[in-house]
C-alpha atoms as a PDB file:
ATOM      1  CA  UNK A   1     -96.881 -29.865 -67.893  1.00  0.00           C
ATOM      2  CA  UNK A   2     -95.604 -28.073 -64.907  1.00  0.00           C
ATOM      3  CA  UNK A   3     -92.005 -27.918 -63.658  1.00  0.00           C
ATOM      4  CA  UNK A   4     -91.201 -29.598 -60.378  1.00  0.00           C
ATOM      5  CA  UNK A   5     -91.597 -27.373 -57.408  1.00  0.00           C
ATOM      6  CA  UNK A   6     -87.898 -27.731 -56.448  1.00  0.00           C
ATOM      7  CA  UNK A   7     -86.499 -26.637 -59.824  1.00  0.00           C
ATOM      8  CA  UNK A   8     -86.341 -22.982 -58.926  1.00  0.00           C
ATOM      9  CA  UNK A   9     -84.312 -23.494 -55.808  1.00  0.00           C
ATOM     10  CA  UNK A  10     -81.891 -25.565 -57.826  1.00  0.00           C
ATOM     11  CA  UNK A  11     -81.466 -22.822 -60.322  1.00  0.00           C
ATOM     12  CA  UNK A  12     -81.046 -20.255 -57.508  1.00  0.00           C
ATOM     13  CA  UNK A  13     -78.350 -22.519 -55.934  1.00  0.00           C
ATOM     14  CA  UNK A  14     -76.532 -22.827 -59.269  1.00  0.00           C
ATOM     15  CA  UNK A  15     -76.649 -19.104 -59.836  1.00  0.00           C
ATOM     16  CA  UNK A  16     -75.407 -18.516 -56.298  1.00  0.00           C
ATOM     17  CA  UNK A  17     -72.511 -20.966 -56.854  1.00  0.00           C
ATOM     18  CA  UNK A  18     -71.595 -19.239 -60.159  1.00  0.00           C
ATOM     19  CA  UNK A  19     -71.682 -15.886 -58.447  1.00  0.00           C
ATOM     20  CA  UNK A  20     -69.465 -17.054 -55.597  1.00  0.00           C
ATOM     21  CA  UNK A  21     -66.985 -18.610 -58.021  1.00  0.00           C
ATOM     22  CA  UNK A  22     -66.815 -15.406 -60.036  1.00  0.00           C
ATOM     23  CA  UNK A  23     -66.091 -13.323 -56.851  1.00  0.00           C
ATOM     24  CA  UNK A  24     -63.368 -15.807 -55.701  1.00  0.00           C
ATOM     25  CA  UNK A  25     -61.896 -15.677 -59.295  1.00  0.00           C
ATOM     26  CA  UNK A  26     -61.871 -11.857 -59.177  1.00  0.00           C
ATOM     27  CA  UNK A  27     -60.233 -11.843 -55.802  1.00  0.00           C
ATOM     28  CA  UNK A  28     -57.576 -14.301 -57.045  1.00  0.00           C
ATOM     29  CA  UNK A  29     -56.898 -12.009 -59.982  1.00  0.00           C
ATOM     30  CA  UNK A  30     -56.715  -8.985 -57.609  1.00  0.00           C
ATOM     31  CA  UNK A  31     -54.352 -10.664 -55.114  1.00  0.00           C
ATOM     32  CA  UNK A  32     -52.108 -11.801 -58.053  1.00  0.00           C
ATOM     33  CA  UNK A  33     -52.031  -8.317 -59.462  1.00  0.00           C
ATOM     34  CA  UNK A  34     -51.221  -6.740 -56.031  1.00  0.00           C
ATOM     35  CA  UNK A  35     -48.374  -9.226 -55.392  1.00  0.00           C
ATOM     36  CA  UNK A  36     -46.989  -8.659 -58.882  1.00  0.00           C
ATOM     37  CA  UNK A  37     -47.202  -4.888 -58.521  1.00  0.00           C
ATOM     38  CA  UNK A  38     -45.541  -4.934 -55.094  1.00  0.00           C
ATOM     39  CA  UNK A  39     -42.691  -7.207 -56.128  1.00  0.00           C
ATOM     40  CA  UNK A  40     -41.907  -5.666 -59.522  1.00  0.00           C
ATOM     41  CA  UNK A  41     -42.363  -2.027 -58.568  1.00  0.00           C
ATOM     42  CA  UNK A  42     -39.101  -0.182 -59.061  1.00  0.00           C
ATOM     43  CA  UNK A  43     -37.527   0.891 -55.735  1.00  0.00           C
ATOM     44  CA  UNK A  44     -36.473   4.390 -55.072  1.00  0.00           C
ATOM     45  CA  UNK A  45     -32.757   4.836 -54.355  1.00  0.00           C
ATOM     46  CA  UNK A  46     -31.857   4.600 -50.593  1.00  0.00           C
ATOM     47  CA  UNK A  47     -30.853   8.124 -49.950  1.00  0.00           C
ATOM     48  CA  UNK A  48     -31.830  10.555 -47.281  1.00  0.00           C
ATOM     49  CA  UNK A  49     -34.215  12.202 -49.720  1.00  0.00           C
ATOM     50  CA  UNK A  50     -36.169   8.953 -50.406  1.00  0.00           C
ATOM     51  CA  UNK A  51     -39.341   8.914 -48.362  1.00  0.00           C
ATOM     52  CA  UNK A  52     -39.379   6.252 -45.664  1.00  0.00           C
ATOM     53  CA  UNK A  53     -41.947   3.603 -46.517  1.00  0.00           C
ATOM     54  CA  UNK A  54     -41.610   4.221 -50.268  1.00  0.00           C
ATOM     55  CA  UNK A  55     -39.898   0.963 -51.259  1.00  0.00           C
ATOM     56  CA  UNK A  56     -39.585  -2.596 -50.136  1.00  0.00           C
ATOM     57  CA  UNK A  57     -35.954  -2.080 -49.258  1.00  0.00           C
ATOM     58  CA  UNK A  58     -36.739   1.156 -47.447  1.00  0.00           C
ATOM     59  CA  UNK A  59     -39.725   0.387 -45.101  1.00  0.00           C
ATOM     60  CA  UNK A  60     -40.972   2.611 -42.412  1.00  0.00           C
ATOM     61  CA  UNK A  61     -40.012   1.503 -38.847  1.00  0.00           C
ATOM     62  CA  UNK A  62     -42.795   0.426 -36.448  1.00  0.00           C
ATOM     63  CA  UNK A  63     -44.702   3.453 -35.133  1.00  0.00           C
ATOM     64  CA  UNK A  64     -43.963   5.580 -38.197  1.00  0.00           C
ATOM     65  CA  UNK A  65     -46.813   6.484 -40.402  1.00  0.00           C
ATOM     66  CA  UNK A  66     -46.754   6.182 -44.196  1.00  0.00           C
ATOM     67  CA  UNK A  67     -49.246   7.887 -46.428  1.00  0.00           C
ATOM     68  CA  UNK A  68     -50.639   5.745 -49.315  1.00  0.00           C
ATOM     69  CA  UNK A  69     -53.273   7.548 -51.295  1.00  0.00           C
ATOM     70  CA  UNK A  70     -56.190   8.543 -48.897  1.00  0.00           C
ATOM     71  CA  UNK A  71     -54.813   6.486 -46.029  1.00  0.00           C
ATOM     72  CA  UNK A  72     -52.201   7.065 -43.341  1.00  0.00           C
ATOM     73  CA  UNK A  73     -50.914   3.631 -42.088  1.00  0.00           C
ATOM     74  CA  UNK A  74     -48.724   2.696 -39.160  1.00  0.00           C
ATOM     75  CA  UNK A  75     -47.730  -0.603 -37.583  1.00  0.00           C
ATOM     76  CA  UNK A  76     -48.341  -0.219 -33.871  1.00  0.00           C
ATOM     77  CA  UNK A  77     -47.501  -3.700 -32.543  1.00  0.00           C
ATOM     78  CA  UNK A  78     -46.261  -7.132 -33.603  1.00  0.00           C
ATOM     79  CA  UNK A  79     -46.872 -10.350 -31.581  1.00  0.00           C
ATOM     80  CA  UNK A  80     -44.705 -13.285 -32.669  1.00  0.00           C
ATOM     81  CA  UNK A  81     -45.339 -16.048 -32.070  1.00  0.00           C
ATOM     82  CA  UNK A  82     -49.130 -15.617 -31.719  1.00  0.00           C
ATOM     83  CA  UNK A  83     -49.832 -19.328 -31.737  1.00  0.00           C
ATOM     84  CA  UNK A  84     -51.415 -19.270 -28.232  1.00  0.00           C
ATOM     85  CA  UNK A  85     -53.709 -16.380 -29.247  1.00  0.00           C
ATOM     86  CA  UNK A  86     -54.871 -18.065 -32.371  1.00  0.00           C
ATOM     87  CA  UNK A  87     -55.347 -21.500 -30.530  1.00  0.00           C
ATOM     88  CA  UNK A  88     -58.385 -20.062 -28.715  1.00  0.00           C
ATOM     89  CA  UNK A  89     -60.603 -21.467 -31.483  1.00  0.00           C
ATOM     90  CA  UNK A  90     -60.608 -24.885 -33.173  1.00  0.00           C
ATOM     91  CA  UNK A  91     -61.706 -23.124 -36.329  1.00  0.00           C
ATOM     92  CA  UNK A  92     -58.535 -20.981 -36.649  1.00  0.00           C
ATOM     93  CA  UNK A  93     -55.562 -21.988 -38.833  1.00  0.00           C
ATOM     94  CA  UNK A  94     -52.722 -23.789 -37.036  1.00  0.00           C
ATOM     95  CA  UNK A  95     -49.176 -23.175 -38.159  1.00  0.00           C
ATOM     96  CA  UNK A  96     -47.556 -25.871 -40.245  1.00  0.00           C
ATOM     97  CA  UNK A  97     -44.217 -27.492 -39.282  1.00  0.00           C
ATOM     98  CA  UNK A  98     -41.452 -24.988 -38.888  1.00  0.00           C
ATOM     99  CA  UNK A  99     -44.044 -22.103 -38.959  1.00  0.00           C
ATOM    100  CA  UNK A 100     -45.723 -19.765 -36.380  1.00  0.00           C
ATOM    101  CA  UNK A 101     -48.524 -17.273 -36.412  1.00  0.00           C
ATOM    102  CA  UNK A 102     -47.764 -13.602 -36.415  1.00  0.00           C
ATOM    103  CA  UNK A 103     -50.197 -10.834 -35.389  1.00  0.00           C
ATOM    104  CA  UNK A 104     -49.577  -7.376 -36.820  1.00  0.00           C
ATOM    105  CA  UNK A 105     -51.579  -4.497 -35.346  1.00  0.00           C
ATOM    106  CA  UNK A 106     -52.083  -1.533 -37.657  1.00  0.00           C
ATOM    107  CA  UNK A 107     -53.586   1.850 -37.189  1.00  0.00           C
ATOM    108  CA  UNK A 108     -55.231   3.415 -40.296  1.00  0.00           C
ATOM    109  CA  UNK A 109     -56.576   6.999 -40.751  1.00  0.00           C
ATOM    110  CA  UNK A 110     -58.804   8.118 -43.562  1.00  0.00           C
ATOM    111  CA  UNK A 111     -57.427  11.452 -44.850  1.00  0.00           C
ATOM    112  CA  UNK A 112     -59.709  12.857 -47.553  1.00  0.00           C
ATOM    113  CA  UNK A 113     -61.976  15.919 -47.063  1.00  0.00           C
ATOM    114  CA  UNK A 114     -64.982  15.817 -44.805  1.00  0.00           C
ATOM    115  CA  UNK A 115     -67.866  13.843 -46.178  1.00  0.00           C
ATOM    116  CA  UNK A 116     -65.735  11.322 -48.158  1.00  0.00           C
ATOM    117  CA  UNK A 117     -64.807   7.872 -47.097  1.00  0.00           C
ATOM    118  CA  UNK A 118     -61.990   5.323 -47.617  1.00  0.00           C
ATOM    119  CA  UNK A 119     -62.587   1.567 -48.407  1.00  0.00           C
ATOM    120  CA  UNK A 120     -60.543  -1.053 -46.684  1.00  0.00           C
ATOM    121  CA  UNK A 121     -60.320  -4.703 -47.590  1.00  0.00           C
ATOM    122  CA  UNK A 122     -57.561  -6.216 -45.427  1.00  0.00           C
ATOM    123  CA  UNK A 123     -57.381  -9.548 -47.082  1.00  0.00           C
ATOM    124  CA  UNK A 124     -56.902  -7.933 -50.543  1.00  0.00           C
ATOM    125  CA  UNK A 125     -54.949  -4.801 -49.517  1.00  0.00           C
ATOM    126  CA  UNK A 126     -52.230  -6.274 -47.347  1.00  0.00           C
ATOM    127  CA  UNK A 127     -49.314  -8.676 -47.933  1.00  0.00           C
ATOM    128  CA  UNK A 128     -46.383  -9.652 -45.699  1.00  0.00           C
ATOM    129  CA  UNK A 129     -43.213  -9.845 -47.751  1.00  0.00           C
ATOM    130  CA  UNK A 130     -39.851 -11.510 -46.801  1.00  0.00           C
ATOM    131  CA  UNK A 131     -36.823 -12.841 -48.579  1.00  0.00           C
ATOM    132  CA  UNK A 132     -38.581 -16.302 -48.509  1.00  0.00           C
ATOM    133  CA  UNK A 133     -41.823 -15.040 -50.267  1.00  0.00           C
ATOM    134  CA  UNK A 134     -45.154 -13.450 -49.932  1.00  0.00           C
ATOM    135  CA  UNK A 135     -47.610 -14.194 -47.180  1.00  0.00           C
ATOM    136  CA  UNK A 136     -51.274 -13.231 -47.460  1.00  0.00           C
ATOM    137  CA  UNK A 137     -53.391 -12.508 -44.297  1.00  0.00           C
ATOM    138  CA  UNK A 138     -55.428 -15.344 -42.866  1.00  0.00           C
ATOM    139  CA  UNK A 139     -59.141 -14.561 -43.445  1.00  0.00           C
ATOM    140  CA  UNK A 140     -61.013 -17.449 -41.835  1.00  0.00           C
ATOM    141  CA  UNK A 141     -60.255 -16.566 -38.271  1.00  0.00           C
ATOM    142  CA  UNK A 142     -62.508 -16.831 -35.197  1.00  0.00           C
ATOM    143  CA  UNK A 143     -62.314 -15.360 -31.667  1.00  0.00           C
ATOM    144  CA  UNK A 144     -59.758 -12.661 -32.313  1.00  0.00           C
ATOM    145  CA  UNK A 145     -61.422  -9.582 -30.753  1.00  0.00           C
ATOM    146  CA  UNK A 146     -59.385  -6.953 -32.730  1.00  0.00           C
ATOM    147  CA  UNK A 147     -59.243  -8.409 -36.140  1.00  0.00           C
ATOM    148  CA  UNK A 148     -59.075  -5.641 -38.806  1.00  0.00           C
ATOM    149  CA  UNK A 149     -62.391  -5.602 -40.520  1.00  0.00           C
ATOM    150  CA  UNK A 150     -63.229  -4.677 -44.088  1.00  0.00           C
ATOM    151  CA  UNK A 151     -65.514  -1.673 -44.715  1.00  0.00           C
ATOM    152  CA  UNK A 152     -65.666   2.105 -45.046  1.00  0.00           C
ATOM    153  CA  UNK A 153     -63.764   4.503 -42.868  1.00  0.00           C
ATOM    154  CA  UNK A 154     -65.176   8.049 -42.518  1.00  0.00           C
ATOM    155  CA  UNK A 155     -62.946  11.054 -43.286  1.00  0.00           C
ATOM    156  CA  UNK A 156     -60.768  11.838 -40.294  1.00  0.00           C
ATOM    157  CA  UNK A 157     -61.601   8.482 -38.597  1.00  0.00           C
ATOM    158  CA  UNK A 158     -58.793   6.200 -37.377  1.00  0.00           C
ATOM    159  CA  UNK A 159     -59.315   2.503 -37.062  1.00  0.00           C
ATOM    160  CA  UNK A 160     -57.017  -0.125 -35.714  1.00  0.00           C
ATOM    161  CA  UNK A 161     -56.951  -3.882 -35.841  1.00  0.00           C
ATOM    162  CA  UNK A 162     -54.893  -7.029 -36.211  1.00  0.00           C
ATOM    163  CA  UNK A 163     -53.759  -8.841 -39.399  1.00  0.00           C
ATOM    164  CA  UNK A 164     -52.831 -12.560 -38.905  1.00  0.00           C
ATOM    165  CA  UNK A 165     -50.123 -14.274 -40.920  1.00  0.00           C
ATOM    166  CA  UNK A 166     -48.412 -17.626 -40.966  1.00  0.00           C
ATOM    167  CA  UNK A 167     -44.695 -17.177 -41.248  1.00  0.00           C
ATOM    168  CA  UNK A 168     -41.537 -19.315 -40.932  1.00  0.00           C
ATOM    169  CA  UNK A 169     -40.129 -19.398 -37.293  1.00  0.00           C
ATOM    170  CA  UNK A 170     -36.696 -18.341 -38.551  1.00  0.00           C
ATOM    171  CA  UNK A 171     -38.052 -15.797 -41.018  1.00  0.00           C
ATOM    172  CA  UNK A 172     -36.614 -12.261 -40.701  1.00  0.00           C
ATOM    173  CA  UNK A 173     -36.762  -9.012 -42.667  1.00  0.00           C
ATOM    174  CA  UNK A 174     -40.608  -9.028 -42.798  1.00  0.00           C
ATOM    175  CA  UNK A 175     -42.228  -6.038 -44.466  1.00  0.00           C
ATOM    176  CA  UNK A 176     -46.008  -5.293 -44.351  1.00  0.00           C
ATOM    177  CA  UNK A 177     -47.054  -3.965 -47.644  1.00  0.00           C
ATOM    178  CA  UNK A 178     -50.269  -2.024 -48.267  1.00  0.00           C
ATOM    179  CA  UNK A 179     -51.513  -1.684 -51.834  1.00  0.00           C
ATOM    180  CA  UNK A 180     -55.145  -0.958 -52.617  1.00  0.00           C
ATOM    181  CA  UNK A 181     -56.376  -3.623 -54.967  1.00  0.00           C
ATOM    182  CA  UNK A 182     -55.260  -2.581 -58.473  1.00  0.00           C
ATOM    183  CA  UNK A 183     -54.198   0.882 -57.146  1.00  0.00           C
ATOM    184  CA  UNK A 184     -50.924   2.555 -57.515  1.00  0.00           C
ATOM    185  CA  UNK A 185     -50.317   3.776 -53.987  1.00  0.00           C
ATOM    186  CA  UNK A 186     -48.186   1.449 -51.929  1.00  0.00           C
ATOM    187  CA  UNK A 187     -46.850   1.684 -48.336  1.00  0.00           C
ATOM    188  CA  UNK A 188     -44.017  -0.417 -46.954  1.00  0.00           C
ATOM    189  CA  UNK A 189     -43.832  -0.904 -43.154  1.00  0.00           C
ATOM    190  CA  UNK A 190     -41.446  -3.002 -41.045  1.00  0.00           C
ATOM    191  CA  UNK A 191     -43.089  -5.836 -39.213  1.00  0.00           C
ATOM    192  CA  UNK A 192     -40.683  -6.716 -36.479  1.00  0.00           C
END
């Protein structure tokens, strides 16, 4: 007896769904670990000798670069509200009641020796933290020409791009946090 011809595609679809599920589960674990590490990391004392960008309560001001591992990161622009920019596509998220979209532009330089690269996964590596909570970047976005893309950055190369967040209209004290997934290097940058 022979198996039906469409049995193999069904098995392939099942394996694909299982694989996608495992990847999403892993991303969820990573995001949770990053948020926990960022929010529970002991802060350095606020003194003139504490490096700027080294703690949540001592973020680097916009335009100031912070080194985190192999990367040098700086916030170069913030657009708030960015609702009109996001409204360019029906597929983009729309802010909920009392919220607005916020676009944070960052510049990132890969610092290791020539021939090495840096990995970047914006959805996993960045969070926006405020007294009200933690915001993750929107990742299903269409039509934004300068969205920060995941990938490899060559040694000495600088890339820039936008991160999109949904925040409360009255929310202040926003800090952009970079933490490589499950890594120890963290950078704190003002997003105002």
